[in-house]
N, C-alpha and C. Protein backbone atom coordinates (compact mmCIF):
# COMPACT_ATOMS: atom_id res chain seq x y z
N MET A 1 -139.02 -121.54 140.03
CA MET A 1 -137.93 -121.64 139.09
C MET A 1 -136.63 -121.82 139.87
N THR A 2 -135.82 -122.77 139.48
CA THR A 2 -134.55 -123.00 140.17
C THR A 2 -133.44 -122.21 139.50
N GLU A 3 -132.44 -121.89 140.30
CA GLU A 3 -131.30 -121.16 139.76
C GLU A 3 -130.38 -122.12 139.02
N SER A 4 -129.80 -121.63 137.97
CA SER A 4 -128.87 -122.42 137.19
C SER A 4 -127.49 -122.37 137.82
N ALA A 5 -126.73 -123.44 137.67
CA ALA A 5 -125.35 -123.45 138.15
C ALA A 5 -124.44 -122.70 137.18
N ASP A 6 -124.94 -122.36 136.03
CA ASP A 6 -124.17 -121.64 135.02
C ASP A 6 -123.95 -120.20 135.50
N PRO A 7 -122.68 -119.77 135.70
CA PRO A 7 -122.44 -118.42 136.23
C PRO A 7 -122.88 -117.32 135.29
N ARG A 8 -123.15 -117.61 134.04
CA ARG A 8 -123.59 -116.58 133.11
C ARG A 8 -125.03 -116.14 133.39
N HIS A 9 -125.72 -116.83 134.29
CA HIS A 9 -127.09 -116.46 134.64
C HIS A 9 -127.15 -115.73 135.98
N HIS A 10 -126.01 -115.32 136.48
CA HIS A 10 -125.91 -114.61 137.75
C HIS A 10 -125.21 -113.29 137.51
N PRO A 11 -125.27 -112.39 138.47
CA PRO A 11 -124.55 -111.12 138.30
C PRO A 11 -123.07 -111.38 138.02
N HIS A 12 -122.53 -110.59 137.14
CA HIS A 12 -121.14 -110.77 136.73
C HIS A 12 -120.20 -109.96 137.60
N ASP A 13 -119.05 -110.53 137.89
CA ASP A 13 -118.00 -109.84 138.62
C ASP A 13 -116.77 -109.83 137.72
N TRP A 14 -116.83 -109.01 136.69
CA TRP A 14 -115.79 -108.99 135.67
C TRP A 14 -114.43 -108.52 136.18
N HIS A 15 -114.37 -107.96 137.37
CA HIS A 15 -113.09 -107.50 137.90
C HIS A 15 -112.47 -108.52 138.86
N SER A 16 -113.08 -109.67 138.97
CA SER A 16 -112.57 -110.75 139.80
C SER A 16 -111.79 -111.73 138.92
N ASP A 17 -110.52 -111.94 139.25
CA ASP A 17 -109.72 -112.91 138.50
C ASP A 17 -110.34 -114.30 138.54
N ALA A 18 -110.84 -114.70 139.70
CA ALA A 18 -111.44 -116.03 139.83
C ALA A 18 -112.69 -116.16 138.98
N TYR A 19 -113.53 -115.13 138.96
CA TYR A 19 -114.74 -115.18 138.15
C TYR A 19 -114.39 -115.28 136.67
N VAL A 20 -113.43 -114.48 136.23
CA VAL A 20 -113.03 -114.50 134.82
C VAL A 20 -112.44 -115.85 134.45
N GLU A 21 -111.63 -116.43 135.33
CA GLU A 21 -111.09 -117.77 135.07
C GLU A 21 -112.23 -118.78 134.89
N GLN A 22 -113.22 -118.71 135.77
CA GLN A 22 -114.36 -119.62 135.68
C GLN A 22 -115.14 -119.39 134.39
N TRP A 23 -115.38 -118.14 134.04
CA TRP A 23 -116.11 -117.81 132.82
C TRP A 23 -115.41 -118.38 131.59
N ILE A 24 -114.10 -118.14 131.51
CA ILE A 24 -113.33 -118.62 130.36
C ILE A 24 -113.35 -120.14 130.31
N SER A 25 -113.25 -120.80 131.45
CA SER A 25 -113.23 -122.27 131.46
C SER A 25 -114.56 -122.87 130.99
N GLN A 26 -115.67 -122.12 131.16
CA GLN A 26 -116.98 -122.63 130.75
C GLN A 26 -117.44 -122.08 129.41
N ASP A 27 -116.65 -121.18 128.84
CA ASP A 27 -116.98 -120.61 127.55
C ASP A 27 -116.64 -121.62 126.46
N LEU A 28 -116.98 -121.31 125.24
CA LEU A 28 -116.62 -122.18 124.13
C LEU A 28 -115.11 -122.36 124.08
N THR A 29 -114.68 -123.52 123.69
CA THR A 29 -113.24 -123.76 123.59
C THR A 29 -112.69 -123.10 122.33
N ASP A 30 -111.38 -122.93 122.32
CA ASP A 30 -110.75 -122.37 121.13
C ASP A 30 -111.04 -123.21 119.90
N ASP A 31 -111.08 -124.54 120.06
CA ASP A 31 -111.36 -125.41 118.91
C ASP A 31 -112.75 -125.16 118.35
N GLU A 32 -113.72 -124.85 119.22
CA GLU A 32 -115.08 -124.59 118.77
C GLU A 32 -115.21 -123.20 118.16
N ARG A 33 -114.50 -122.25 118.72
CA ARG A 33 -114.65 -120.85 118.33
C ARG A 33 -113.69 -120.43 117.21
N ARG A 34 -112.51 -121.01 117.18
CA ARG A 34 -111.48 -120.56 116.26
C ARG A 34 -111.91 -120.50 114.79
N PRO A 35 -112.62 -121.48 114.24
CA PRO A 35 -113.02 -121.38 112.83
C PRO A 35 -113.87 -120.14 112.54
N ALA A 36 -114.79 -119.80 113.42
CA ALA A 36 -115.63 -118.61 113.20
C ALA A 36 -114.81 -117.34 113.33
N LEU A 37 -113.93 -117.29 114.32
CA LEU A 37 -113.10 -116.11 114.50
C LEU A 37 -112.11 -115.94 113.35
N ALA A 38 -111.57 -117.04 112.88
CA ALA A 38 -110.65 -116.98 111.74
C ALA A 38 -111.38 -116.46 110.51
N TRP A 39 -112.62 -116.86 110.33
CA TRP A 39 -113.41 -116.38 109.20
C TRP A 39 -113.62 -114.87 109.31
N VAL A 40 -113.97 -114.39 110.49
CA VAL A 40 -114.15 -112.95 110.70
C VAL A 40 -112.86 -112.20 110.41
N ALA A 41 -111.74 -112.76 110.82
CA ALA A 41 -110.45 -112.10 110.67
C ALA A 41 -110.06 -111.87 109.21
N VAL A 42 -110.56 -112.68 108.30
CA VAL A 42 -110.20 -112.50 106.89
C VAL A 42 -111.22 -111.66 106.12
N LEU A 43 -112.24 -111.17 106.78
CA LEU A 43 -113.27 -110.37 106.11
C LEU A 43 -112.85 -108.92 105.83
N PHE A 44 -111.77 -108.47 106.41
CA PHE A 44 -111.34 -107.09 106.18
C PHE A 44 -110.99 -106.90 104.71
N PRO A 45 -111.38 -105.78 104.13
CA PRO A 45 -111.09 -105.54 102.72
C PRO A 45 -109.59 -105.28 102.50
N GLY A 46 -109.17 -105.45 101.27
CA GLY A 46 -107.79 -105.16 100.91
C GLY A 46 -106.89 -106.37 101.03
N GLU A 47 -105.68 -106.18 100.58
CA GLU A 47 -104.68 -107.25 100.61
C GLU A 47 -104.28 -107.55 102.05
N VAL A 48 -103.96 -108.80 102.32
CA VAL A 48 -103.55 -109.22 103.65
C VAL A 48 -102.30 -108.45 104.10
N SER A 49 -101.45 -108.09 103.17
CA SER A 49 -100.22 -107.39 103.52
C SER A 49 -100.45 -105.92 103.86
N HIS A 50 -101.64 -105.38 103.55
CA HIS A 50 -101.93 -103.99 103.87
C HIS A 50 -102.31 -103.85 105.33
N PRO A 51 -101.83 -102.80 105.97
CA PRO A 51 -102.18 -102.62 107.39
C PRO A 51 -103.65 -102.23 107.55
N VAL A 52 -104.26 -102.74 108.59
CA VAL A 52 -105.60 -102.34 108.98
C VAL A 52 -105.54 -101.96 110.45
N ARG A 53 -106.45 -101.09 110.85
CA ARG A 53 -106.56 -100.73 112.26
C ARG A 53 -107.89 -101.27 112.77
N VAL A 54 -107.85 -101.96 113.89
CA VAL A 54 -109.03 -102.62 114.43
C VAL A 54 -109.19 -102.22 115.90
N LEU A 55 -110.38 -101.83 116.25
CA LEU A 55 -110.74 -101.60 117.65
C LEU A 55 -111.67 -102.73 118.06
N ASP A 56 -111.20 -103.57 118.93
CA ASP A 56 -111.97 -104.72 119.42
C ASP A 56 -112.63 -104.31 120.73
N VAL A 57 -113.86 -103.81 120.65
CA VAL A 57 -114.59 -103.34 121.82
C VAL A 57 -115.27 -104.53 122.49
N GLY A 58 -115.07 -104.65 123.78
CA GLY A 58 -115.60 -105.81 124.49
C GLY A 58 -114.83 -107.06 124.11
N GLY A 59 -113.53 -106.89 123.90
CA GLY A 59 -112.68 -107.95 123.37
C GLY A 59 -112.41 -109.11 124.30
N GLY A 60 -112.81 -108.99 125.55
CA GLY A 60 -112.66 -110.10 126.49
C GLY A 60 -111.25 -110.62 126.58
N SER A 61 -111.09 -111.92 126.45
CA SER A 61 -109.79 -112.56 126.61
C SER A 61 -108.92 -112.49 125.36
N GLY A 62 -109.36 -111.78 124.35
CA GLY A 62 -108.52 -111.52 123.19
C GLY A 62 -108.54 -112.56 122.09
N ALA A 63 -109.52 -113.42 122.06
CA ALA A 63 -109.57 -114.49 121.05
C ALA A 63 -109.66 -113.91 119.63
N LEU A 64 -110.56 -112.95 119.42
CA LEU A 64 -110.69 -112.37 118.08
C LEU A 64 -109.45 -111.56 117.72
N ALA A 65 -108.95 -110.78 118.65
CA ALA A 65 -107.75 -109.98 118.38
C ALA A 65 -106.58 -110.87 117.96
N ALA A 66 -106.42 -112.00 118.63
CA ALA A 66 -105.34 -112.93 118.29
C ALA A 66 -105.51 -113.48 116.88
N GLU A 67 -106.74 -113.82 116.50
CA GLU A 67 -106.99 -114.33 115.15
C GLU A 67 -106.72 -113.26 114.09
N ILE A 68 -107.11 -112.03 114.39
CA ILE A 68 -106.85 -110.94 113.44
C ILE A 68 -105.35 -110.76 113.25
N LEU A 69 -104.61 -110.75 114.36
CA LEU A 69 -103.16 -110.58 114.26
C LEU A 69 -102.48 -111.73 113.54
N GLN A 70 -103.04 -112.92 113.67
CA GLN A 70 -102.48 -114.07 112.95
C GLN A 70 -102.78 -113.97 111.45
N ALA A 71 -104.01 -113.58 111.10
CA ALA A 71 -104.40 -113.49 109.69
C ALA A 71 -103.84 -112.25 109.01
N ARG A 72 -103.68 -111.17 109.76
CA ARG A 72 -103.24 -109.88 109.22
C ARG A 72 -102.05 -109.38 110.03
N PRO A 73 -100.86 -109.88 109.78
CA PRO A 73 -99.69 -109.51 110.60
C PRO A 73 -99.42 -108.00 110.63
N GLN A 74 -99.87 -107.27 109.64
CA GLN A 74 -99.65 -105.83 109.60
C GLN A 74 -100.73 -105.06 110.35
N ALA A 75 -101.69 -105.76 110.92
CA ALA A 75 -102.80 -105.10 111.61
C ALA A 75 -102.34 -104.43 112.91
N ALA A 76 -103.01 -103.36 113.24
CA ALA A 76 -102.86 -102.72 114.55
C ALA A 76 -104.18 -102.94 115.27
N VAL A 77 -104.16 -103.74 116.31
CA VAL A 77 -105.38 -104.08 117.03
C VAL A 77 -105.31 -103.48 118.43
N VAL A 78 -106.36 -102.76 118.77
CA VAL A 78 -106.51 -102.25 120.13
C VAL A 78 -107.71 -102.94 120.73
N LEU A 79 -107.47 -103.64 121.83
CA LEU A 79 -108.53 -104.35 122.52
C LEU A 79 -108.98 -103.51 123.72
N HIS A 80 -110.28 -103.34 123.84
CA HIS A 80 -110.83 -102.61 124.98
C HIS A 80 -111.87 -103.50 125.65
N ASP A 81 -111.82 -103.55 126.95
CA ASP A 81 -112.81 -104.32 127.70
C ASP A 81 -113.04 -103.65 129.05
N TYR A 82 -114.22 -103.80 129.57
CA TYR A 82 -114.58 -103.27 130.88
C TYR A 82 -113.79 -103.94 132.00
N SER A 83 -113.41 -105.18 131.77
CA SER A 83 -112.80 -106.02 132.79
C SER A 83 -111.28 -105.99 132.74
N THR A 84 -110.66 -105.53 133.83
CA THR A 84 -109.21 -105.56 133.89
C THR A 84 -108.70 -107.00 133.89
N ALA A 85 -109.48 -107.91 134.47
CA ALA A 85 -109.08 -109.32 134.48
C ALA A 85 -109.09 -109.91 133.07
N MET A 86 -110.08 -109.53 132.26
CA MET A 86 -110.13 -110.00 130.87
C MET A 86 -108.97 -109.41 130.06
N ILE A 87 -108.65 -108.15 130.28
CA ILE A 87 -107.53 -107.54 129.57
C ILE A 87 -106.23 -108.26 129.93
N ALA A 88 -106.09 -108.65 131.18
CA ALA A 88 -104.90 -109.41 131.59
C ALA A 88 -104.84 -110.74 130.83
N LYS A 89 -105.99 -111.40 130.67
CA LYS A 89 -106.02 -112.66 129.91
C LYS A 89 -105.67 -112.41 128.44
N ALA A 90 -106.16 -111.31 127.89
CA ALA A 90 -105.82 -110.97 126.50
C ALA A 90 -104.32 -110.73 126.36
N ALA A 91 -103.71 -110.10 127.35
CA ALA A 91 -102.27 -109.85 127.31
C ALA A 91 -101.49 -111.16 127.35
N GLU A 92 -101.99 -112.14 128.10
CA GLU A 92 -101.34 -113.46 128.11
C GLU A 92 -101.45 -114.13 126.75
N ARG A 93 -102.59 -113.98 126.11
CA ARG A 93 -102.85 -114.63 124.82
C ARG A 93 -102.04 -113.98 123.70
N SER A 94 -102.06 -112.67 123.69
CA SER A 94 -101.41 -111.93 122.61
C SER A 94 -101.04 -110.54 123.13
N PRO A 95 -99.84 -110.37 123.65
CA PRO A 95 -99.47 -109.10 124.27
C PRO A 95 -99.70 -107.88 123.37
N ALA A 96 -99.55 -108.04 122.08
CA ALA A 96 -99.71 -106.90 121.18
C ALA A 96 -101.15 -106.42 121.10
N SER A 97 -102.12 -107.26 121.44
CA SER A 97 -103.52 -106.85 121.29
C SER A 97 -104.08 -106.20 122.54
N ALA A 98 -103.44 -106.35 123.66
CA ALA A 98 -104.00 -105.89 124.93
C ALA A 98 -103.54 -104.48 125.29
N THR A 99 -103.77 -103.56 124.37
CA THR A 99 -103.32 -102.20 124.62
C THR A 99 -104.46 -101.30 125.05
N GLY A 100 -105.64 -101.84 125.19
CA GLY A 100 -106.78 -101.04 125.62
C GLY A 100 -106.69 -100.69 127.09
N SER A 101 -107.32 -99.61 127.45
CA SER A 101 -107.33 -99.24 128.86
C SER A 101 -108.63 -99.67 129.49
N PRO A 102 -108.55 -100.31 130.64
CA PRO A 102 -109.78 -100.78 131.28
C PRO A 102 -110.57 -99.61 131.84
N THR A 103 -111.85 -99.82 131.95
CA THR A 103 -112.74 -98.85 132.57
C THR A 103 -112.83 -99.20 134.05
N ALA A 104 -112.74 -98.21 134.90
CA ALA A 104 -112.81 -98.45 136.33
C ALA A 104 -114.19 -99.00 136.69
N PRO A 105 -114.24 -99.92 137.65
CA PRO A 105 -115.54 -100.45 138.06
C PRO A 105 -116.35 -99.37 138.75
N PRO A 106 -117.67 -99.44 138.65
CA PRO A 106 -118.51 -98.44 139.30
C PRO A 106 -118.36 -98.54 140.82
N THR A 107 -118.46 -97.41 141.47
CA THR A 107 -118.36 -97.41 142.94
C THR A 107 -119.71 -97.21 143.57
């Protein structure tokens, strides 16, 4: 069996900025993902103007958190991810969503 060039089939280095950049570049594009994420963002019960609190566990680069904040401006979203590099990307995408604290890498 040959190894795949796809980095998702190899051990992950989620605390490496370069690895996270590569992962994001090979992941689905916003154009491909945005319709599904936008649909999820409107599934919360209640009026759009009512505040909701959302914990985005494993939120990665913040794509879902950004869609929730766009669809529900009154939402309070806390993004949590194991990867400090992913949280940094989420902060670039939507500073308000990247309030989660990263988990230290295992030693």
